[in-house]
């Protein structure tokens, strides 16, 4: 092949490649550079530490802390045990010796929209896996939940409570 023809072909390929790269840039939208702007960080001025009549300065050393007046004693009223004791109600839907069975029932009941979980319980027969729905703080709501679960699944669950 003629060297002059080779040079013309290589030149045509280079010019075509450059045109394919740069011509689309001419017709595209301009580049949005708003994201590249760095906003100025404004540091607030130091607060005025002028002290009022009742305020005291921040202690700088141990002597300042010792010289501070003792705070007034706060009297704490003890509430009655019955008022603070909360009863949580659970609907126990099953107890299993194998964890896989408990997880299977948990998944089935969770698909029905109930807040269910599996807990481990030590019994005379060994480690068991309990499936419970709840907790509910209102006994009536827990009873309604029990009725609904029993109807949907066709079994009898147990209503149980835990005191805190």
Foldseek 3Di string as FASTA:
>chain_A
DDPVVVVVVVVVVVVVVVCVPCVVVVVDDDDDCPVVDDDDDDDDDDDDPDDDPPDDDDDDDPVSVVPDDDDDDDDDDDDDPVVPKFKWKKWWPDKAPDVVVLVVVQVVVVVVPFQKDWDWDQDPVGIMIIIITDTDRDPVVNVVVQVVVCVVPVDHIDMDMDID
